[in-house]
C-alpha atoms as a PDB file:
ATOM      1  CA  MET A   1     108.939  -5.608  28.028  1.00  0.00           C
ATOM      2  CA  PHE A   2     106.766  -7.771  30.305  1.00  0.00           C
ATOM      3  CA  GLU A   3     105.712  -4.653  32.193  1.00  0.00           C
ATOM      4  CA  ILE A   4     104.644  -2.948  28.968  1.00  0.00           C
ATOM      5  CA  ILE A   5     102.544  -5.908  27.842  1.00  0.00           C
ATOM      6  CA  ILE A   6     100.862  -6.188  31.244  1.00  0.00           C
ATOM      7  CA  TYR A   7     100.220  -2.441  31.225  1.00  0.00           C
ATOM      8  CA  LEU A   8      98.731  -2.594  27.717  1.00  0.00           C
ATOM      9  CA  PHE A   9      96.570  -5.564  28.626  1.00  0.00           C
ATOM     10  CA  GLU A  10      95.197  -4.043  31.803  1.00  0.00           C
ATOM     11  CA  ASN A  11      94.617  -0.605  30.305  1.00  0.00           C
ATOM     12  CA  TYR A  12      93.695  -1.211  26.671  1.00  0.00           C
ATOM     13  CA  LEU A  13      93.377  -4.796  25.498  1.00  0.00           C
ATOM     14  CA  ASP A  14      90.912  -5.968  28.131  1.00  0.00           C
ATOM     15  CA  ASP A  15      88.712  -2.853  27.694  1.00  0.00           C
ATOM     16  CA  GLN A  16      86.399  -3.643  24.799  1.00  0.00           C
ATOM     17  CA  SER A  17      84.072  -0.706  25.392  1.00  0.00           C
ATOM     18  CA  GLU A  18      86.097   1.896  23.511  1.00  0.00           C
ATOM     19  CA  GLY A  19      86.777   0.085  20.225  1.00  0.00           C
ATOM     20  CA  THR A  20      90.252   0.047  18.733  1.00  0.00           C
ATOM     21  CA  PRO A  21      92.691   2.246  20.669  1.00  0.00           C
ATOM     22  CA  ASP A  22      94.997   4.684  18.853  1.00  0.00           C
ATOM     23  CA  THR A  23      98.348   2.898  18.828  1.00  0.00           C
ATOM     24  CA  GLU A  24     100.369   6.057  18.205  1.00  0.00           C
ATOM     25  CA  ALA A  25      98.776   7.770  21.213  1.00  0.00           C
ATOM     26  CA  ILE A  26      99.505   4.684  23.313  1.00  0.00           C
ATOM     27  CA  ARG A  27     103.134   4.608  22.112  1.00  0.00           C
ATOM     28  CA  THR A  28     103.499   8.271  23.067  1.00  0.00           C
ATOM     29  CA  GLU A  29     101.942   7.610  26.479  1.00  0.00           C
ATOM     30  CA  LEU A  30     104.354   4.731  27.118  1.00  0.00           C
ATOM     31  CA  LEU A  31     107.368   6.798  26.060  1.00  0.00           C
ATOM     32  CA  GLU A  32     106.253   9.694  28.265  1.00  0.00           C
ATOM     33  CA  ALA A  33     105.873   7.237  31.147  1.00  0.00           C
ATOM     34  CA  GLY A  34     109.575   6.430  30.763  1.00  0.00           C
ATOM     35  CA  PHE A  35     109.546   3.107  28.924  1.00  0.00           C
ATOM     36  CA  PRO A  36     112.469   2.773  26.482  1.00  0.00           C
ATOM     37  CA  LYS A  37     111.486   3.200  22.820  1.00  0.00           C
ATOM     38  CA  GLY A  38     113.062  -0.137  21.872  1.00  0.00           C
ATOM     39  CA  ASP A  39     111.025  -1.996  24.494  1.00  0.00           C
ATOM     40  CA  VAL A  40     107.823  -0.238  23.412  1.00  0.00           C
ATOM     41  CA  ASN A  41     108.420  -1.228  19.784  1.00  0.00           C
ATOM     42  CA  LYS A  42     109.225  -4.824  20.778  1.00  0.00           C
ATOM     43  CA  ALA A  43     106.045  -5.025  22.871  1.00  0.00           C
ATOM     44  CA  PHE A  44     103.897  -3.881  19.951  1.00  0.00           C
ATOM     45  CA  GLN A  45     105.645  -6.333  17.617  1.00  0.00           C
ATOM     46  CA  TRP A  46     105.088  -9.104  20.175  1.00  0.00           C
ATOM     47  CA  LEU A  47     101.365  -8.332  20.333  1.00  0.00           C
ATOM     48  CA  GLU A  48     101.049  -8.018  16.557  1.00  0.00           C
ATOM     49  CA  SER A  49     102.609 -11.461  16.126  1.00  0.00           C
ATOM     50  CA  LEU A  50      99.647 -12.989  17.970  1.00  0.00           C
ATOM     51  CA  THR A  51      97.428 -12.304  14.965  1.00  0.00           C
ATOM     52  CA  GLU A  52      99.718 -14.350  12.719  1.00  0.00           C
ATOM     53  CA  HIS A  53      98.723 -17.558  14.527  1.00  0.00           C
ATOM     54  CA  GLN A  54      94.940 -17.116  14.696  1.00  0.00           C
ATOM     55  CA  ASP A  55      94.161 -19.761  12.056  1.00  0.00           C
ATOM     56  CA  ILE A  56      96.136 -22.515  13.799  1.00  0.00           C
ATOM     57  CA  ASN A  57      93.965 -24.695  15.988  1.00  0.00           C
ATOM     58  CA  SER A  58      94.501 -28.194  17.332  1.00  0.00           C
ATOM     59  CA  THR A  59      92.865 -29.836  20.293  1.00  0.00           C
ATOM     60  CA  ALA A  60      94.361 -33.277  19.698  1.00  0.00           C
ATOM     61  CA  PRO A  61      96.200 -34.574  22.768  1.00  0.00           C
ATOM     62  CA  SER A  62      99.940 -34.413  22.447  1.00  0.00           C
ATOM     63  CA  PHE A  63     103.114 -35.071  24.353  1.00  0.00           C
ATOM     64  CA  ARG A  64     105.468 -32.118  24.737  1.00  0.00           C
ATOM     65  CA  ALA A  65     109.186 -32.444  25.347  1.00  0.00           C
ATOM     66  CA  PHE A  66     110.927 -29.138  25.974  1.00  0.00           C
ATOM     67  CA  SER A  67     113.966 -28.342  23.826  1.00  0.00           C
ATOM     68  CA  THR A  68     117.342 -27.452  25.285  1.00  0.00           C
ATOM     69  CA  ALA A  69     116.750 -23.760  24.544  1.00  0.00           C
ATOM     70  CA  GLU A  70     113.323 -23.910  26.200  1.00  0.00           C
ATOM     71  CA  THR A  71     114.608 -25.624  29.337  1.00  0.00           C
ATOM     72  CA  ALA A  72     117.338 -22.985  29.557  1.00  0.00           C
ATOM     73  CA  ARG A  73     114.666 -20.250  29.606  1.00  0.00           C
ATOM     74  CA  LEU A  74     111.776 -22.019  31.371  1.00  0.00           C
ATOM     75  CA  ASP A  75     112.576 -23.383  34.816  1.00  0.00           C
ATOM     76  CA  THR A  76     110.856 -26.499  36.163  1.00  0.00           C
ATOM     77  CA  GLU A  77     108.125 -24.427  37.842  1.00  0.00           C
ATOM     78  CA  CYS A  78     107.220 -22.781  34.522  1.00  0.00           C
ATOM     79  CA  GLN A  79     107.299 -26.103  32.693  1.00  0.00           C
ATOM     80  CA  GLY A  80     105.127 -27.663  35.397  1.00  0.00           C
ATOM     81  CA  LEU A  81     102.603 -24.829  35.182  1.00  0.00           C
ATOM     82  CA  LEU A  82     102.344 -25.202  31.402  1.00  0.00           C
ATOM     83  CA  ILE A  83     101.723 -28.925  31.736  1.00  0.00           C
ATOM     84  CA  SER A  84      99.206 -28.355  34.530  1.00  0.00           C
ATOM     85  CA  LEU A  85      97.319 -25.707  32.539  1.00  0.00           C
ATOM     86  CA  GLU A  86      97.070 -28.052  29.585  1.00  0.00           C
ATOM     87  CA  GLN A  87      95.959 -31.006  31.709  1.00  0.00           C
ATOM     88  CA  SER A  88      93.285 -28.857  33.360  1.00  0.00           C
ATOM     89  CA  GLY A  89      91.928 -27.779  29.967  1.00  0.00           C
ATOM     90  CA  ILE A  90      92.933 -24.115  30.211  1.00  0.00           C
ATOM     91  CA  LEU A  91      95.490 -24.524  27.427  1.00  0.00           C
ATOM     92  CA  THR A  92      95.053 -26.544  24.249  1.00  0.00           C
ATOM     93  CA  PRO A  93      98.116 -27.956  22.490  1.00  0.00           C
ATOM     94  CA  THR A  94      97.915 -24.991  20.092  1.00  0.00           C
ATOM     95  CA  SER A  95      97.648 -22.344  22.800  1.00  0.00           C
ATOM     96  CA  ARG A  96     100.457 -24.061  24.728  1.00  0.00           C
ATOM     97  CA  GLU A  97     102.716 -23.778  21.684  1.00  0.00           C
ATOM     98  CA  LEU A  98     101.766 -20.128  21.218  1.00  0.00           C
ATOM     99  CA  VAL A  99     102.601 -19.449  24.858  1.00  0.00           C
ATOM    100  CA  ILE A 100     105.999 -21.134  24.537  1.00  0.00           C
ATOM    101  CA  ASP A 101     106.696 -19.293  21.278  1.00  0.00           C
ATOM    102  CA  ARG A 102     105.794 -15.911  22.772  1.00  0.00           C
ATOM    103  CA  LEU A 103     107.817 -16.620  25.939  1.00  0.00           C
ATOM    104  CA  MET A 104     110.867 -17.479  23.867  1.00  0.00           C
ATOM    105  CA  ALA A 105     110.458 -14.128  22.078  1.00  0.00           C
ATOM    106  CA  PHE A 106     111.440 -12.425  25.357  1.00  0.00           C
ATOM    107  CA  GLN A 107     115.077 -13.017  24.492  1.00  0.00           C
ATOM    108  CA  ASP A 108     116.808 -10.866  27.078  1.00  0.00           C
ATOM    109  CA  GLU A 109     114.361 -11.112  29.966  1.00  0.00           C
ATOM    110  CA  ASP A 110     113.952 -13.591  32.779  1.00  0.00           C
ATOM    111  CA  ILE A 111     110.776 -15.621  32.569  1.00  0.00           C
ATOM    112  CA  THR A 112     109.118 -15.876  35.951  1.00  0.00           C
ATOM    113  CA  LEU A 113     106.050 -17.849  36.926  1.00  0.00           C
ATOM    114  CA  GLU A 114     104.103 -14.595  37.194  1.00  0.00           C
ATOM    115  CA  ASN A 115     105.205 -13.483  33.717  1.00  0.00           C
ATOM    116  CA  LEU A 116     104.188 -16.862  32.330  1.00  0.00           C
ATOM    117  CA  LYS A 117     100.689 -16.484  33.796  1.00  0.00           C
ATOM    118  CA  TRP A 118     100.285 -13.067  32.171  1.00  0.00           C
ATOM    119  CA  VAL A 119     101.465 -14.353  28.787  1.00  0.00           C
ATOM    120  CA  VAL A 120      98.916 -17.188  29.028  1.00  0.00           C
ATOM    121  CA  LEU A 121      96.200 -14.658  29.841  1.00  0.00           C
ATOM    122  CA  VAL A 122      97.087 -12.434  26.874  1.00  0.00           C
ATOM    123  CA  ILE A 123      97.248 -15.429  24.505  1.00  0.00           C
ATOM    124  CA  LEU A 124      93.861 -16.735  25.658  1.00  0.00           C
ATOM    125  CA  PHE A 125      92.360 -13.263  25.312  1.00  0.00           C
ATOM    126  CA  SER A 126      93.642 -13.008  21.739  1.00  0.00           C
ATOM    127  CA  ARG A 127      92.239 -16.374  20.609  1.00  0.00           C
ATOM    128  CA  PRO A 128      88.640 -16.850  19.511  1.00  0.00           C
ATOM    129  CA  ASN A 129      86.384 -19.167  21.533  1.00  0.00           C
ATOM    130  CA  GLU A 130      88.662 -19.193  24.588  1.00  0.00           C
ATOM    131  CA  GLU A 131      86.379 -17.202  26.903  1.00  0.00           C
ATOM    132  CA  THR A 132      86.019 -19.981  29.487  1.00  0.00           C
ATOM    133  CA  ALA A 133      89.735 -20.726  29.566  1.00  0.00           C
ATOM    134  CA  PHE A 134      90.447 -16.987  29.779  1.00  0.00           C
ATOM    135  CA  ALA A 135      88.084 -16.592  32.751  1.00  0.00           C
ATOM    136  CA  ARG A 136      89.698 -19.540  34.541  1.00  0.00           C
ATOM    137  CA  MET A 137      93.184 -18.129  33.936  1.00  0.00           C
ATOM    138  CA  GLU A 138      92.085 -14.677  35.035  1.00  0.00           C
ATOM    139  CA  ASP A 139      90.889 -16.226  38.310  1.00  0.00           C
ATOM    140  CA  LEU A 140      94.304 -17.880  38.780  1.00  0.00           C
ATOM    141  CA  ILE A 141      96.096 -14.579  38.296  1.00  0.00           C
ATOM    142  CA  TYR A 142      93.863 -12.357  40.370  1.00  0.00           C
ATOM    143  CA  GLU A 143      93.251 -14.790  43.240  1.00  0.00           C
ATOM    144  CA  ASN A 144      96.802 -14.120  44.414  1.00  0.00           C
ATOM    145  CA  ILE A 145      96.230 -10.364  44.753  1.00  0.00           C
ATOM    146  CA  PRO A 146      95.458  -9.530  48.369  1.00  0.00           C
ATOM    147  CA  THR A 147      92.340  -7.513  49.065  1.00  0.00           C
ATOM    148  CA  LEU A 148      92.266  -4.862  51.744  1.00  0.00           C
ATOM    149  CA  ILE A 149      89.557  -4.863  54.361  1.00  0.00           C
ATOM    150  CA  HIS A 150      88.584  -1.396  55.543  1.00  0.00           C
END
């Protein structure tokens, strides 16, 4: 499912020039590309759930202790990155909680550091007034991609 969300983000969500994409055409494209129907449906449900949390907003500092279920799914590197992103101002307490919630929704998949970064990017993209944080996170993701010199 991570691959589907990354694919959707890179090909549709981040492209604001074409308006609202046709979700049925995108579903068909994903199925024709070989993604399992169940994973495609879960990915769309995952993205749709982001709109449910748009009215929640808190910037008050907070302390976050990870639950037993969260520590079972998020290794120390992932936990450290979340804390670091919040301390650096990329994540607010609200966006941090949304990231953790959306990561926990990936019930049967391993959560890697790279997957965590992409989830943060998608969450920041979906939230209003997070353009600066989104740009900083985008830099963190794409700075690790090697460029070829011709």
